[in-house]
Amino acid sequence: MKPSFACLAALLVLARSAGAQIRTPSPFPEYRADAIVGSRTSAQAGAGLVIPMGIYVRLGVDAAAGATWGHGEVNPSGRVDAIGRFLFDPFREVPVGLSIGGGLSLPYAAHDTRVRPFLTAVLDVEGRMRGAVTPALELGVGGGARVGLVLRASPARWR
């Protein structure tokens, strides 16, 4: 006995509107200040968007600008990062959250003859929410050793 098309359609409509399903948050902004120390040293400030890719994964797309010191000169610089992070506590069940991730960083400094992307790996430690933002410390590698201070404007029940 085959189920009718009307029964299947009704089941699909009911399944889509079930209230018990967890809905991931909307994209939210993040603001950051980073130091990248390698063959050259950069200090940059930036902003971007964190896009939830499910319950446990966040994709951060950021742009930053600042200065780079190296080879006896200082040049204006910037970068664009796309980094995915896996969150171990997406629902803020503990005061300090941990995430690991990786992606690509595309740096640029004035007078560079070649622009090339770097593979990037990061470890994030997020603190308690303070007002409307959650502070985080990000450590990583990608174009050198990276240290970043991050403020994320995530919803109260999500990291």
N, C-alpha and C. Protein backbone atom coordinates (compact mmCIF):
# COMPACT_ATOMS: atom_id res chain seq x y z
N MET A 1 0.84 -1.17 0.00
CA MET A 1 0.00 0.00 0.00
C MET A 1 0.88 1.24 0.00
N LYS A 2 0.71 2.11 -0.97
CA LYS A 2 1.52 3.31 -1.11
C LYS A 2 0.81 4.49 -0.46
N PRO A 3 1.60 5.34 0.29
CA PRO A 3 0.98 6.53 0.88
C PRO A 3 0.65 7.53 -0.22
N SER A 4 -0.39 8.25 -0.01
CA SER A 4 -0.80 9.23 -1.01
C SER A 4 0.09 10.46 -0.97
N PHE A 5 0.07 11.19 -2.07
CA PHE A 5 0.85 12.43 -2.18
C PHE A 5 0.41 13.44 -1.12
N ALA A 6 -0.87 13.54 -0.84
CA ALA A 6 -1.41 14.49 0.15
C ALA A 6 -0.87 14.18 1.54
N CYS A 7 -0.78 12.90 1.89
CA CYS A 7 -0.23 12.52 3.22
C CYS A 7 1.24 12.90 3.32
N LEU A 8 2.01 12.65 2.26
CA LEU A 8 3.43 13.01 2.28
C LEU A 8 3.61 14.52 2.39
N ALA A 9 2.81 15.27 1.65
CA ALA A 9 2.90 16.73 1.71
C ALA A 9 2.56 17.23 3.10
N ALA A 10 1.54 16.67 3.72
CA ALA A 10 1.16 17.08 5.08
C ALA A 10 2.28 16.77 6.07
N LEU A 11 2.90 15.63 5.93
CA LEU A 11 4.01 15.27 6.83
C LEU A 11 5.18 16.23 6.66
N LEU A 12 5.51 16.61 5.43
CA LEU A 12 6.60 17.54 5.19
C LEU A 12 6.31 18.91 5.79
N VAL A 13 5.08 19.39 5.66
CA VAL A 13 4.71 20.69 6.23
C VAL A 13 4.79 20.64 7.74
N LEU A 14 4.29 19.59 8.35
CA LEU A 14 4.34 19.47 9.81
C LEU A 14 5.77 19.34 10.32
N ALA A 15 6.61 18.60 9.60
CA ALA A 15 8.00 18.43 10.03
C ALA A 15 8.77 19.74 9.97
N ARG A 16 8.49 20.59 9.02
CA ARG A 16 9.21 21.87 8.89
C ARG A 16 8.84 22.84 10.00
N SER A 17 7.63 22.74 10.54
CA SER A 17 7.19 23.72 11.52
C SER A 17 7.24 23.20 12.95
N ALA A 18 7.90 22.09 13.18
CA ALA A 18 7.98 21.54 14.53
C ALA A 18 8.74 22.49 15.43
N GLY A 19 8.17 22.86 16.57
CA GLY A 19 8.76 23.83 17.48
C GLY A 19 9.97 23.30 18.23
N ALA A 20 10.15 21.99 18.30
CA ALA A 20 11.24 21.41 19.08
C ALA A 20 12.57 21.45 18.34
N GLN A 21 12.57 21.80 17.08
CA GLN A 21 13.81 21.83 16.33
C GLN A 21 14.64 23.03 16.76
N ILE A 22 15.95 22.83 16.84
CA ILE A 22 16.86 23.90 17.24
C ILE A 22 17.20 24.74 16.01
N ARG A 23 17.00 26.03 16.13
CA ARG A 23 17.33 26.93 15.04
C ARG A 23 18.65 27.64 15.39
N THR A 24 19.58 27.60 14.47
CA THR A 24 20.85 28.27 14.70
C THR A 24 20.65 29.79 14.61
N PRO A 25 21.52 30.54 15.28
CA PRO A 25 21.36 32.00 15.27
C PRO A 25 21.67 32.60 13.90
N SER A 26 21.25 33.83 13.73
CA SER A 26 21.58 34.58 12.52
C SER A 26 23.04 34.99 12.56
N PRO A 27 23.63 35.37 11.44
CA PRO A 27 25.00 35.88 11.45
C PRO A 27 25.12 37.09 12.39
N PHE A 28 26.29 37.23 13.02
CA PHE A 28 26.51 38.33 13.95
C PHE A 28 27.91 38.90 13.75
N PRO A 29 28.12 40.17 14.15
CA PRO A 29 29.42 40.81 13.91
C PRO A 29 30.48 40.41 14.93
N GLU A 30 31.74 40.57 14.52
CA GLU A 30 32.86 40.46 15.45
C GLU A 30 33.86 41.56 15.13
N TYR A 31 34.55 42.02 16.17
CA TYR A 31 35.56 43.08 16.05
C TYR A 31 36.82 42.54 16.66
N ARG A 32 37.99 42.89 16.05
CA ARG A 32 39.23 42.26 16.50
C ARG A 32 40.44 43.16 16.39
N ALA A 33 41.45 42.85 17.19
CA ALA A 33 42.77 43.46 17.11
C ALA A 33 43.77 42.31 17.15
N ASP A 34 44.68 42.27 16.17
CA ASP A 34 45.58 41.13 16.02
C ASP A 34 47.03 41.58 15.87
N ALA A 35 47.92 40.72 16.36
CA ALA A 35 49.36 40.84 16.10
C ALA A 35 49.79 39.55 15.42
N ILE A 36 50.53 39.67 14.33
CA ILE A 36 51.03 38.51 13.60
C ILE A 36 52.54 38.68 13.49
N VAL A 37 53.28 37.75 14.10
CA VAL A 37 54.74 37.85 14.17
C VAL A 37 55.34 36.70 13.38
N GLY A 38 56.10 37.05 12.34
CA GLY A 38 56.77 36.07 11.50
C GLY A 38 58.01 36.70 10.92
N SER A 39 58.23 36.51 9.61
CA SER A 39 59.36 37.17 8.97
C SER A 39 59.16 38.68 8.99
N ARG A 40 57.91 39.11 9.07
CA ARG A 40 57.54 40.51 9.30
C ARG A 40 56.53 40.52 10.44
N THR A 41 56.35 41.66 11.06
CA THR A 41 55.40 41.78 12.16
C THR A 41 54.28 42.74 11.77
N SER A 42 53.04 42.31 12.00
CA SER A 42 51.88 43.14 11.67
C SER A 42 51.03 43.38 12.91
N ALA A 43 50.48 44.57 13.00
CA ALA A 43 49.46 44.92 14.00
C ALA A 43 48.28 45.45 13.22
N GLN A 44 47.11 44.82 13.41
CA GLN A 44 45.95 45.19 12.60
C GLN A 44 44.67 45.14 13.42
N ALA A 45 43.72 45.98 13.05
CA ALA A 45 42.39 45.99 13.64
C ALA A 45 41.40 45.68 12.53
N GLY A 46 40.34 44.97 12.87
CA GLY A 46 39.40 44.60 11.83
C GLY A 46 38.02 44.29 12.34
N ALA A 47 37.16 43.95 11.41
CA ALA A 47 35.78 43.59 11.72
C ALA A 47 35.33 42.54 10.71
N GLY A 48 34.28 41.83 11.07
CA GLY A 48 33.78 40.82 10.16
C GLY A 48 32.45 40.28 10.60
N LEU A 49 32.09 39.18 10.01
CA LEU A 49 30.81 38.55 10.25
C LEU A 49 31.05 37.09 10.60
N VAL A 50 30.35 36.61 11.64
CA VAL A 50 30.39 35.20 12.01
C VAL A 50 29.09 34.58 11.50
N ILE A 51 29.22 33.54 10.69
CA ILE A 51 28.07 32.88 10.08
C ILE A 51 27.93 31.48 10.68
N PRO A 52 26.86 31.22 11.45
CA PRO A 52 26.65 29.88 11.98
C PRO A 52 26.39 28.89 10.84
N MET A 53 27.14 27.78 10.85
CA MET A 53 27.01 26.76 9.81
C MET A 53 26.41 25.48 10.40
N GLY A 54 25.61 25.63 11.43
CA GLY A 54 25.04 24.52 12.17
C GLY A 54 25.21 24.82 13.65
N ILE A 55 24.98 23.84 14.49
CA ILE A 55 25.06 24.05 15.94
C ILE A 55 26.51 24.25 16.38
N TYR A 56 27.44 23.46 15.88
CA TYR A 56 28.80 23.45 16.40
C TYR A 56 29.83 24.18 15.56
N VAL A 57 29.48 24.67 14.39
CA VAL A 57 30.47 25.26 13.49
C VAL A 57 30.12 26.71 13.17
N ARG A 58 31.14 27.58 13.22
CA ARG A 58 31.00 28.99 12.86
C ARG A 58 32.04 29.33 11.80
N LEU A 59 31.61 30.06 10.78
CA LEU A 59 32.52 30.55 9.75
C LEU A 59 32.69 32.04 9.97
N GLY A 60 33.92 32.47 10.21
CA GLY A 60 34.21 33.89 10.38
C GLY A 60 34.88 34.44 9.14
N VAL A 61 34.33 35.52 8.62
CA VAL A 61 34.92 36.21 7.47
C VAL A 61 35.24 37.63 7.93
N ASP A 62 36.54 37.97 7.96
CA ASP A 62 36.99 39.24 8.53
C ASP A 62 37.91 39.97 7.56
N ALA A 63 37.92 41.29 7.69
CA ALA A 63 38.89 42.13 7.00
C ALA A 63 39.57 43.00 8.05
N ALA A 64 40.87 43.21 7.91
CA ALA A 64 41.62 43.99 8.89
C ALA A 64 42.63 44.87 8.18
N ALA A 65 43.00 45.96 8.83
CA ALA A 65 44.00 46.89 8.29
C ALA A 65 44.89 47.38 9.41
N GLY A 66 46.12 47.73 9.06
CA GLY A 66 47.07 48.22 10.06
C GLY A 66 48.42 48.49 9.43
N ALA A 67 49.47 48.08 10.13
CA ALA A 67 50.83 48.31 9.66
C ALA A 67 51.66 47.04 9.77
N THR A 68 52.64 46.91 8.88
CA THR A 68 53.56 45.78 8.90
C THR A 68 54.99 46.31 8.92
N TRP A 69 55.79 45.77 9.87
CA TRP A 69 57.20 46.13 10.01
C TRP A 69 58.03 44.98 9.48
N GLY A 70 59.02 45.28 8.65
CA GLY A 70 59.91 44.24 8.15
C GLY A 70 60.83 44.78 7.09
N HIS A 71 61.99 44.16 6.98
CA HIS A 71 63.00 44.53 5.98
C HIS A 71 63.38 46.02 6.11
N GLY A 72 63.40 46.51 7.35
CA GLY A 72 63.84 47.88 7.60
C GLY A 72 62.84 48.97 7.26
N GLU A 73 61.58 48.60 7.03
CA GLU A 73 60.58 49.63 6.71
C GLU A 73 59.22 49.27 7.31
N VAL A 74 58.35 50.27 7.37
CA VAL A 74 56.98 50.10 7.84
C VAL A 74 56.05 50.42 6.68
N ASN A 75 55.08 49.53 6.43
CA ASN A 75 54.14 49.72 5.32
C ASN A 75 52.71 49.51 5.80
N PRO A 76 51.77 50.23 5.19
CA PRO A 76 50.36 49.92 5.46
C PRO A 76 50.07 48.49 5.00
N SER A 77 49.18 47.82 5.72
CA SER A 77 48.88 46.43 5.37
C SER A 77 47.45 46.09 5.72
N GLY A 78 47.04 44.95 5.25
CA GLY A 78 45.71 44.46 5.55
C GLY A 78 45.62 42.98 5.26
N ARG A 79 44.49 42.42 5.55
CA ARG A 79 44.28 41.01 5.26
C ARG A 79 42.79 40.70 5.26
N VAL A 80 42.46 39.60 4.62
CA VAL A 80 41.11 39.05 4.65
C VAL A 80 41.25 37.60 5.11
N ASP A 81 40.46 37.23 6.12
CA ASP A 81 40.49 35.86 6.66
C ASP A 81 39.15 35.19 6.46
N ALA A 82 39.16 33.91 6.20
CA ALA A 82 37.98 33.05 6.22
C ALA A 82 38.35 31.84 7.05
N ILE A 83 37.82 31.77 8.27
CA ILE A 83 38.22 30.73 9.22
C ILE A 83 36.98 30.06 9.79
N GLY A 84 36.94 28.74 9.68
CA GLY A 84 35.88 27.94 10.28
C GLY A 84 36.33 27.44 11.64
N ARG A 85 35.42 27.51 12.63
CA ARG A 85 35.76 27.05 13.99
C ARG A 85 34.74 26.02 14.46
N PHE A 86 35.22 24.99 15.15
CA PHE A 86 34.37 24.00 15.81
C PHE A 86 34.26 24.39 17.27
N LEU A 87 33.04 24.60 17.77
CA LEU A 87 32.81 25.01 19.16
C LEU A 87 32.53 23.79 20.02
N PHE A 88 33.20 23.69 21.16
CA PHE A 88 32.96 22.59 22.08
C PHE A 88 31.77 22.86 23.00
N ASP A 89 31.37 24.13 23.16
CA ASP A 89 30.23 24.50 24.00
C ASP A 89 29.40 25.58 23.31
N PRO A 90 28.60 25.21 22.30
CA PRO A 90 27.86 26.24 21.54
C PRO A 90 26.73 26.89 22.33
N PHE A 91 26.26 26.26 23.43
CA PHE A 91 25.11 26.78 24.18
C PHE A 91 25.47 27.53 25.46
N ARG A 92 26.74 27.86 25.67
CA ARG A 92 27.19 28.57 26.88
C ARG A 92 26.85 27.82 28.17
N GLU A 93 27.06 26.52 28.17
CA GLU A 93 26.77 25.73 29.36
C GLU A 93 27.86 25.85 30.42
N VAL A 94 29.05 26.26 30.02
CA VAL A 94 30.13 26.53 30.96
C VAL A 94 30.61 27.96 30.74
N PRO A 95 31.22 28.59 31.75
CA PRO A 95 31.60 30.01 31.62
C PRO A 95 32.62 30.30 30.54
N VAL A 96 33.55 29.37 30.30
CA VAL A 96 34.61 29.60 29.32
C VAL A 96 34.43 28.59 28.19
N GLY A 97 34.37 29.11 26.95
CA GLY A 97 34.19 28.24 25.80
C GLY A 97 35.49 28.07 25.02
N LEU A 98 35.64 26.92 24.41
CA LEU A 98 36.83 26.60 23.65
C LEU A 98 36.41 26.23 22.23
N SER A 99 37.17 26.70 21.24
CA SER A 99 36.93 26.29 19.86
C SER A 99 38.27 26.17 19.14
N ILE A 100 38.29 25.32 18.12
CA ILE A 100 39.47 25.15 17.28
C ILE A 100 39.03 25.32 15.83
N GLY A 101 39.94 25.77 15.00
CA GLY A 101 39.54 25.96 13.62
C GLY A 101 40.69 26.17 12.68
N GLY A 102 40.32 26.42 11.45
CA GLY A 102 41.32 26.67 10.43
C GLY A 102 40.68 27.26 9.20
N GLY A 103 41.52 27.79 8.33
CA GLY A 103 41.03 28.40 7.11
C GLY A 103 42.15 29.04 6.32
N LEU A 104 41.81 30.14 5.66
CA LEU A 104 42.78 30.85 4.83
C LEU A 104 42.88 32.31 5.25
N SER A 105 44.08 32.85 5.15
CA SER A 105 44.33 34.26 5.38
C SER A 105 45.04 34.82 4.16
N LEU A 106 44.53 35.93 3.64
CA LEU A 106 45.14 36.57 2.47
C LEU A 106 45.68 37.93 2.90
N PRO A 107 46.99 38.00 3.25
CA PRO A 107 47.57 39.27 3.69
C PRO A 107 48.08 40.11 2.52
N TYR A 108 48.15 41.41 2.77
CA TYR A 108 48.72 42.32 1.78
C TYR A 108 49.44 43.44 2.52
N ALA A 109 50.64 43.76 2.09
CA ALA A 109 51.37 44.93 2.59
C ALA A 109 51.75 45.77 1.38
N ALA A 110 51.71 47.08 1.54
CA ALA A 110 52.06 47.98 0.43
C ALA A 110 53.43 47.60 -0.12
N HIS A 111 53.59 47.66 -1.41
CA HIS A 111 54.82 47.35 -2.14
C HIS A 111 55.12 45.86 -2.22
N ASP A 112 54.18 44.99 -1.78
CA ASP A 112 54.38 43.55 -1.99
C ASP A 112 54.29 43.25 -3.47
N THR A 113 55.24 42.50 -3.97
CA THR A 113 55.19 42.13 -5.39
C THR A 113 54.35 40.87 -5.58
N ARG A 114 54.18 40.11 -4.52
CA ARG A 114 53.41 38.86 -4.58
C ARG A 114 52.44 38.81 -3.42
N VAL A 115 51.21 38.50 -3.70
CA VAL A 115 50.22 38.28 -2.65
C VAL A 115 49.86 36.81 -2.67
N ARG A 116 50.03 36.14 -1.52
CA ARG A 116 49.74 34.71 -1.48
C ARG A 116 49.02 34.36 -0.19
N PRO A 117 48.06 33.46 -0.25
CA PRO A 117 47.31 33.08 0.94
C PRO A 117 48.13 32.16 1.85
N PHE A 118 47.75 32.17 3.12
CA PHE A 118 48.36 31.28 4.11
C PHE A 118 47.29 30.38 4.70
N LEU A 119 47.60 29.10 4.88
CA LEU A 119 46.74 28.25 5.68
C LEU A 119 46.84 28.74 7.12
N THR A 120 45.73 28.74 7.82
CA THR A 120 45.69 29.29 9.17
C THR A 120 45.01 28.29 10.10
N ALA A 121 45.56 28.12 11.29
CA ALA A 121 44.95 27.29 12.34
C ALA A 121 44.84 28.14 13.60
N VAL A 122 43.69 28.04 14.30
CA VAL A 122 43.46 28.86 15.48
C VAL A 122 42.88 28.05 16.62
N LEU A 123 43.12 28.56 17.82
CA LEU A 123 42.52 28.06 19.06
C LEU A 123 41.90 29.28 19.74
N ASP A 124 40.61 29.23 20.02
CA ASP A 124 39.90 30.34 20.65
C ASP A 124 39.48 29.97 22.07
N VAL A 125 39.64 30.91 22.98
CA VAL A 125 39.11 30.77 24.34
C VAL A 125 38.17 31.96 24.55
N GLU A 126 36.87 31.68 24.66
CA GLU A 126 35.87 32.73 24.86
C GLU A 126 35.50 32.83 26.33
N GLY A 127 35.38 34.06 26.79
CA GLY A 127 34.98 34.30 28.18
C GLY A 127 33.48 34.44 28.30
N ARG A 128 33.06 34.92 29.48
CA ARG A 128 31.64 35.17 29.73
C ARG A 128 31.17 36.38 28.94
N MET A 129 29.91 36.36 28.59
CA MET A 129 29.32 37.49 27.88
C MET A 129 29.34 38.72 28.79
N ARG A 130 29.76 39.85 28.26
CA ARG A 130 29.82 41.12 28.99
C ARG A 130 28.93 42.11 28.25
N GLY A 131 27.76 42.37 28.78
CA GLY A 131 26.82 43.23 28.07
C GLY A 131 26.37 42.53 26.80
N ALA A 132 26.59 43.17 25.67
CA ALA A 132 26.16 42.62 24.38
C ALA A 132 27.27 41.87 23.64
N VAL A 133 28.48 41.78 24.23
CA VAL A 133 29.58 41.13 23.52
C VAL A 133 30.24 40.05 24.37
N THR A 134 30.89 39.13 23.67
CA THR A 134 31.66 38.08 24.32
C THR A 134 33.12 38.27 23.95
N PRO A 135 34.01 38.48 24.94
CA PRO A 135 35.43 38.62 24.62
C PRO A 135 36.07 37.25 24.38
N ALA A 136 37.07 37.23 23.52
CA ALA A 136 37.79 35.98 23.23
C ALA A 136 39.26 36.28 22.99
N LEU A 137 40.09 35.31 23.30
CA LEU A 137 41.52 35.35 22.98
C LEU A 137 41.74 34.29 21.93
N GLU A 138 42.35 34.68 20.82
CA GLU A 138 42.60 33.74 19.72
C GLU A 138 44.10 33.60 19.52
N LEU A 139 44.58 32.37 19.56
CA LEU A 139 45.99 32.05 19.31
C LEU A 139 46.05 31.19 18.06
N GLY A 140 47.07 31.39 17.24
CA GLY A 140 47.15 30.57 16.04
C GLY A 140 48.42 30.75 15.26
N VAL A 141 48.43 30.12 14.10
CA VAL A 141 49.53 30.24 13.15
C VAL A 141 48.92 30.48 11.77
N GLY A 142 49.64 31.18 10.94
CA GLY A 142 49.20 31.48 9.58
C GLY A 142 49.85 32.78 9.15
N GLY A 143 50.96 32.70 8.45
CA GLY A 143 51.74 33.89 8.12
C GLY A 143 52.61 34.30 9.28
N GLY A 144 52.69 33.46 10.30
CA GLY A 144 53.44 33.73 11.52
C GLY A 144 52.59 33.34 12.72
N ALA A 145 53.12 33.58 13.91
CA ALA A 145 52.35 33.34 15.14
C ALA A 145 51.32 34.46 15.27
N ARG A 146 50.08 34.09 15.58
CA ARG A 146 48.98 35.06 15.65
C ARG A 146 48.43 35.12 17.06
N VAL A 147 48.17 36.34 17.52
CA VAL A 147 47.48 36.58 18.79
C VAL A 147 46.41 37.62 18.51
N GLY A 148 45.18 37.31 18.88
CA GLY A 148 44.10 38.25 18.61
C GLY A 148 43.18 38.41 19.81
N LEU A 149 42.71 39.63 20.00
CA LEU A 149 41.66 39.91 20.97
C LEU A 149 40.39 40.17 20.16
N VAL A 150 39.32 39.43 20.48
CA VAL A 150 38.12 39.45 19.67
C VAL A 150 36.91 39.78 20.54
N LEU A 151 35.99 40.59 20.02
CA LEU A 151 34.70 40.85 20.65
C LEU A 151 33.63 40.38 19.68
N ARG A 152 32.81 39.41 20.14
CA ARG A 152 31.74 38.88 19.28
C ARG A 152 30.38 39.28 19.86
N ALA A 153 29.47 39.68 18.99
CA ALA A 153 28.14 40.11 19.40
C ALA A 153 27.14 38.98 19.17
N SER A 154 27.42 37.81 19.71
CA SER A 154 26.54 36.65 19.52
C SER A 154 25.31 36.74 20.41
N PRO A 155 24.25 35.99 20.07
CA PRO A 155 23.06 35.98 20.93
C PRO A 155 23.38 35.42 22.31
N ALA A 156 22.56 35.73 23.30
CA ALA A 156 22.83 35.37 24.69
C ALA A 156 22.94 33.85 24.93
N ARG A 157 22.19 33.03 24.22
CA ARG A 157 22.26 31.60 24.50
C ARG A 157 23.20 30.82 23.58
N TRP A 158 23.86 31.50 22.66
CA TRP A 158 24.78 30.86 21.71
C TRP A 158 26.17 31.48 21.82
N ARG A 159 27.17 30.71 21.47
CA ARG A 159 28.53 31.22 21.33
C ARG A 159 28.76 31.53 19.88
